Amino acid sequence: MRRVSALPLAACLMLSSCAEFPELDQRISPELAAAPVPELVPLAPLVARANAAPRITAATTAGLSGRVAALAVRAARLRGPVIPAPVRTRMLRGVR
C-alpha cells in the first residue's frame, strides 16, 4: 500500500488560511444592528403546548377538502399538453 505524504495537504491548508474574508459587518443595516436581540426561551414548554390540544378539527377538515378538490382540478389541467396538437403538427412540418 502506498503511503501518502501530508505535505501537500498541509500546503493547501496554509494557502487557504491566507484568504481574506469579505466585510460582513458592512452589510448589516443600521436598523438591524440597533434591533434588540431576540429572547431565548426553553423548548420544553413550547413542545408541551404544541402537543396539548389537537389543532385539526372538523371545521378545518371541511375547509381543507374544498381546497384539495380545487388543487386536484388545477393539477389535472396542468397535466395536459403544453403545445396544442395543431400547433405541434405545424411545428414538426416546419422542422422536416
N, C-alpha and C. Protein backbone atom coordinates (compact mmCIF):
# COMPACT_ATOMS: atom_id res chain seq x y z
N MET A 1 0.83 -1.16 0.00
CA MET A 1 0.00 0.00 0.00
C MET A 1 0.89 1.24 0.00
N ARG A 2 0.54 2.20 -0.83
CA ARG A 2 1.34 3.40 -0.97
C ARG A 2 0.99 4.39 0.13
N ARG A 3 2.01 5.00 0.68
CA ARG A 3 1.81 5.96 1.76
C ARG A 3 1.76 7.36 1.16
N VAL A 4 0.75 8.13 1.57
CA VAL A 4 0.55 9.47 1.05
C VAL A 4 1.16 10.46 2.02
N SER A 5 1.89 11.42 1.48
CA SER A 5 2.53 12.43 2.31
C SER A 5 1.50 13.48 2.73
N ALA A 6 1.65 14.00 3.92
CA ALA A 6 0.76 15.03 4.43
C ALA A 6 1.22 16.42 4.00
N LEU A 7 2.35 16.52 3.35
CA LEU A 7 2.88 17.82 2.96
C LEU A 7 1.96 18.57 1.98
N PRO A 8 1.43 17.93 0.92
CA PRO A 8 0.53 18.68 0.03
C PRO A 8 -0.74 19.17 0.76
N LEU A 9 -1.26 18.35 1.64
CA LEU A 9 -2.45 18.74 2.40
C LEU A 9 -2.14 19.93 3.30
N ALA A 10 -1.00 19.89 3.96
CA ALA A 10 -0.61 21.00 4.85
C ALA A 10 -0.40 22.27 4.03
N ALA A 11 0.19 22.15 2.84
CA ALA A 11 0.41 23.33 1.99
C ALA A 11 -0.93 23.94 1.56
N CYS A 12 -1.88 23.11 1.20
CA CYS A 12 -3.21 23.61 0.80
C CYS A 12 -3.90 24.32 1.96
N LEU A 13 -3.80 23.75 3.15
CA LEU A 13 -4.42 24.37 4.33
C LEU A 13 -3.76 25.71 4.65
N MET A 14 -2.45 25.78 4.52
CA MET A 14 -1.76 27.04 4.81
C MET A 14 -2.13 28.10 3.78
N LEU A 15 -2.24 27.72 2.51
CA LEU A 15 -2.62 28.68 1.48
C LEU A 15 -4.05 29.18 1.67
N SER A 16 -4.94 28.29 2.07
CA SER A 16 -6.32 28.72 2.26
C SER A 16 -6.47 29.61 3.48
N SER A 17 -5.59 29.52 4.44
CA SER A 17 -5.68 30.37 5.63
C SER A 17 -5.27 31.81 5.32
N CYS A 18 -4.67 32.04 4.18
CA CYS A 18 -4.26 33.39 3.80
C CYS A 18 -5.38 34.16 3.10
N ALA A 19 -6.51 33.53 2.86
CA ALA A 19 -7.60 34.19 2.14
C ALA A 19 -8.21 35.29 2.99
N GLU A 20 -8.63 36.36 2.34
CA GLU A 20 -9.30 37.45 3.04
C GLU A 20 -10.80 37.23 3.00
N PHE A 21 -11.44 37.49 4.12
CA PHE A 21 -12.88 37.32 4.21
C PHE A 21 -13.57 38.64 3.89
N PRO A 22 -14.75 38.57 3.29
CA PRO A 22 -15.46 39.82 2.97
C PRO A 22 -15.90 40.54 4.24
N GLU A 23 -16.08 41.83 4.11
CA GLU A 23 -16.52 42.64 5.24
C GLU A 23 -18.02 42.41 5.46
N LEU A 24 -18.35 41.52 6.36
CA LEU A 24 -19.75 41.21 6.61
C LEU A 24 -20.42 42.27 7.47
N ASP A 25 -19.67 42.97 8.30
CA ASP A 25 -20.26 43.98 9.16
C ASP A 25 -20.82 45.14 8.35
N GLN A 26 -20.28 45.38 7.17
CA GLN A 26 -20.74 46.49 6.35
C GLN A 26 -22.10 46.20 5.71
N ARG A 27 -22.54 44.95 5.70
CA ARG A 27 -23.77 44.57 5.03
C ARG A 27 -24.99 44.64 5.94
N ILE A 28 -24.81 44.84 7.21
CA ILE A 28 -25.92 44.91 8.15
C ILE A 28 -26.41 46.35 8.21
N SER A 29 -27.73 46.51 8.03
CA SER A 29 -28.29 47.86 8.05
C SER A 29 -28.23 48.42 9.47
N PRO A 30 -28.21 49.72 9.62
CA PRO A 30 -28.18 50.32 10.96
C PRO A 30 -29.40 49.94 11.80
N GLU A 31 -30.58 49.81 11.15
CA GLU A 31 -31.78 49.41 11.89
C GLU A 31 -31.63 48.01 12.46
N LEU A 32 -31.07 47.11 11.67
CA LEU A 32 -30.88 45.75 12.13
C LEU A 32 -29.82 45.67 13.22
N ALA A 33 -28.77 46.47 13.09
CA ALA A 33 -27.72 46.48 14.12
C ALA A 33 -28.25 47.02 15.44
N ALA A 34 -29.22 47.95 15.38
CA ALA A 34 -29.77 48.54 16.60
C ALA A 34 -30.93 47.74 17.17
N ALA A 35 -31.40 46.72 16.46
CA ALA A 35 -32.55 45.94 16.92
C ALA A 35 -32.17 45.12 18.16
N PRO A 36 -33.14 44.91 19.05
CA PRO A 36 -32.84 44.11 20.24
C PRO A 36 -32.63 42.64 19.88
N VAL A 37 -31.84 41.97 20.68
CA VAL A 37 -31.57 40.55 20.47
C VAL A 37 -32.80 39.76 20.90
N PRO A 38 -33.26 38.80 20.10
CA PRO A 38 -34.44 38.02 20.48
C PRO A 38 -34.19 37.24 21.77
N GLU A 39 -35.24 37.10 22.55
CA GLU A 39 -35.14 36.38 23.81
C GLU A 39 -35.16 34.88 23.55
N LEU A 40 -34.27 34.16 24.18
CA LEU A 40 -34.23 32.71 24.07
C LEU A 40 -35.20 32.11 25.09
N VAL A 41 -35.99 31.17 24.65
CA VAL A 41 -36.96 30.53 25.54
C VAL A 41 -36.70 29.03 25.57
N PRO A 42 -37.04 28.38 26.68
CA PRO A 42 -36.85 26.92 26.76
C PRO A 42 -37.76 26.20 25.76
N LEU A 43 -37.30 25.10 25.25
CA LEU A 43 -38.03 24.36 24.23
C LEU A 43 -39.14 23.49 24.83
N ALA A 44 -38.97 22.98 26.01
CA ALA A 44 -39.93 22.04 26.60
C ALA A 44 -41.33 22.63 26.70
N PRO A 45 -41.55 23.86 27.19
CA PRO A 45 -42.92 24.39 27.24
C PRO A 45 -43.55 24.55 25.86
N LEU A 46 -42.75 24.88 24.86
CA LEU A 46 -43.29 25.02 23.51
C LEU A 46 -43.76 23.68 22.95
N VAL A 47 -42.99 22.64 23.21
CA VAL A 47 -43.37 21.30 22.74
C VAL A 47 -44.61 20.83 23.48
N ALA A 48 -44.68 21.08 24.79
CA ALA A 48 -45.84 20.67 25.58
C ALA A 48 -47.10 21.38 25.09
N ARG A 49 -46.99 22.66 24.78
CA ARG A 49 -48.15 23.41 24.30
C ARG A 49 -48.58 22.92 22.92
N ALA A 50 -47.63 22.55 22.08
CA ALA A 50 -47.97 22.05 20.76
C ALA A 50 -48.66 20.69 20.83
N ASN A 51 -48.27 19.87 21.79
CA ASN A 51 -48.86 18.54 21.93
C ASN A 51 -50.13 18.53 22.77
N ALA A 52 -50.46 19.62 23.44
CA ALA A 52 -51.57 19.64 24.39
C ALA A 52 -52.92 19.49 23.71
N ALA A 53 -53.22 20.30 22.72
CA ALA A 53 -54.55 20.28 22.11
C ALA A 53 -54.43 20.01 20.62
N PRO A 54 -55.33 19.18 20.10
CA PRO A 54 -55.30 18.95 18.65
C PRO A 54 -55.73 20.21 17.92
N ARG A 55 -55.10 20.47 16.83
CA ARG A 55 -55.41 21.67 16.06
C ARG A 55 -56.31 21.38 14.88
N ILE A 56 -56.41 20.14 14.48
CA ILE A 56 -57.24 19.78 13.34
C ILE A 56 -58.62 19.41 13.85
N THR A 57 -59.61 20.17 13.43
CA THR A 57 -60.99 19.94 13.84
C THR A 57 -61.82 19.58 12.62
N ALA A 58 -63.10 19.33 12.84
CA ALA A 58 -64.00 19.01 11.72
C ALA A 58 -64.11 20.22 10.79
N ALA A 59 -64.13 21.41 11.35
CA ALA A 59 -64.21 22.62 10.52
C ALA A 59 -62.95 22.77 9.67
N THR A 60 -61.81 22.45 10.25
CA THR A 60 -60.55 22.53 9.50
C THR A 60 -60.57 21.54 8.34
N THR A 61 -61.02 20.33 8.61
CA THR A 61 -61.07 19.30 7.57
C THR A 61 -62.02 19.70 6.46
N ALA A 62 -63.18 20.26 6.82
CA ALA A 62 -64.15 20.68 5.81
C ALA A 62 -63.59 21.80 4.95
N GLY A 63 -62.89 22.73 5.57
CA GLY A 63 -62.31 23.83 4.82
C GLY A 63 -61.20 23.38 3.89
N LEU A 64 -60.43 22.41 4.34
CA LEU A 64 -59.32 21.92 3.51
C LEU A 64 -59.79 21.04 2.37
N SER A 65 -60.89 20.33 2.55
CA SER A 65 -61.33 19.43 1.49
C SER A 65 -61.70 20.22 0.23
N GLY A 66 -62.27 21.40 0.38
CA GLY A 66 -62.57 22.23 -0.78
C GLY A 66 -61.31 22.69 -1.49
N ARG A 67 -60.32 23.06 -0.71
CA ARG A 67 -59.04 23.48 -1.30
C ARG A 67 -58.35 22.32 -2.01
N VAL A 68 -58.44 21.14 -1.40
CA VAL A 68 -57.82 19.95 -2.01
C VAL A 68 -58.47 19.65 -3.35
N ALA A 69 -59.81 19.74 -3.42
CA ALA A 69 -60.51 19.48 -4.67
C ALA A 69 -60.12 20.50 -5.73
N ALA A 70 -60.02 21.78 -5.35
CA ALA A 70 -59.63 22.81 -6.31
C ALA A 70 -58.21 22.58 -6.83
N LEU A 71 -57.32 22.18 -5.94
CA LEU A 71 -55.94 21.91 -6.37
C LEU A 71 -55.87 20.69 -7.27
N ALA A 72 -56.70 19.68 -7.02
CA ALA A 72 -56.71 18.50 -7.88
C ALA A 72 -57.18 18.86 -9.28
N VAL A 73 -58.20 19.73 -9.39
CA VAL A 73 -58.67 20.17 -10.71
C VAL A 73 -57.57 20.95 -11.42
N ARG A 74 -56.90 21.82 -10.68
CA ARG A 74 -55.82 22.61 -11.27
C ARG A 74 -54.68 21.72 -11.74
N ALA A 75 -54.34 20.70 -10.95
CA ALA A 75 -53.27 19.78 -11.33
C ALA A 75 -53.65 19.00 -12.58
N ALA A 76 -54.92 18.63 -12.70
CA ALA A 76 -55.36 17.90 -13.89
C ALA A 76 -55.23 18.76 -15.14
N ARG A 77 -55.55 20.05 -15.01
CA ARG A 77 -55.39 20.95 -16.15
C ARG A 77 -53.92 21.10 -16.55
N LEU A 78 -53.02 21.11 -15.56
CA LEU A 78 -51.60 21.28 -15.85
C LEU A 78 -50.98 20.03 -16.48
N ARG A 79 -51.62 18.87 -16.34
CA ARG A 79 -51.08 17.65 -16.91
C ARG A 79 -51.28 17.57 -18.42
N GLY A 80 -52.10 18.42 -18.98
CA GLY A 80 -52.36 18.40 -20.42
C GLY A 80 -51.13 18.81 -21.21
N PRO A 81 -51.23 18.72 -22.52
CA PRO A 81 -50.09 19.10 -23.35
C PRO A 81 -49.83 20.60 -23.28
N VAL A 82 -48.58 20.95 -23.32
CA VAL A 82 -48.20 22.35 -23.27
C VAL A 82 -48.46 23.02 -24.61
N ILE A 83 -48.15 22.32 -25.66
CA ILE A 83 -48.35 22.84 -27.01
C ILE A 83 -49.56 22.11 -27.61
N PRO A 84 -50.58 22.84 -28.03
CA PRO A 84 -51.76 22.19 -28.63
C PRO A 84 -51.36 21.34 -29.83
N ALA A 85 -52.15 20.29 -30.11
CA ALA A 85 -51.84 19.34 -31.17
C ALA A 85 -51.70 20.00 -32.53
N PRO A 86 -52.60 20.93 -32.96
CA PRO A 86 -52.42 21.54 -34.29
C PRO A 86 -51.12 22.34 -34.40
N VAL A 87 -50.76 23.02 -33.34
CA VAL A 87 -49.52 23.81 -33.36
C VAL A 87 -48.31 22.88 -33.40
N ARG A 88 -48.37 21.79 -32.64
CA ARG A 88 -47.27 20.82 -32.64
C ARG A 88 -47.09 20.22 -34.04
N THR A 89 -48.20 19.89 -34.71
CA THR A 89 -48.12 19.32 -36.06
C THR A 89 -47.48 20.32 -37.02
N ARG A 90 -47.91 21.58 -36.94
CA ARG A 90 -47.35 22.61 -37.81
C ARG A 90 -45.86 22.80 -37.53
N MET A 91 -45.47 22.76 -36.28
CA MET A 91 -44.06 22.92 -35.93
C MET A 91 -43.23 21.76 -36.48
N LEU A 92 -43.74 20.53 -36.36
CA LEU A 92 -43.00 19.38 -36.84
C LEU A 92 -42.86 19.42 -38.37
N ARG A 93 -43.87 19.91 -39.07
CA ARG A 93 -43.77 20.03 -40.53
C ARG A 93 -42.68 21.03 -40.91
N GLY A 94 -42.54 22.10 -40.14
CA GLY A 94 -41.54 23.12 -40.43
C GLY A 94 -40.13 22.63 -40.18
N VAL A 95 -39.95 21.70 -39.27
CA VAL A 95 -38.62 21.18 -38.95
C VAL A 95 -38.12 20.22 -40.01
N ARG A 96 -39.01 19.44 -40.59
CA ARG A 96 -38.60 18.42 -41.56
C ARG A 96 -38.29 19.00 -42.85
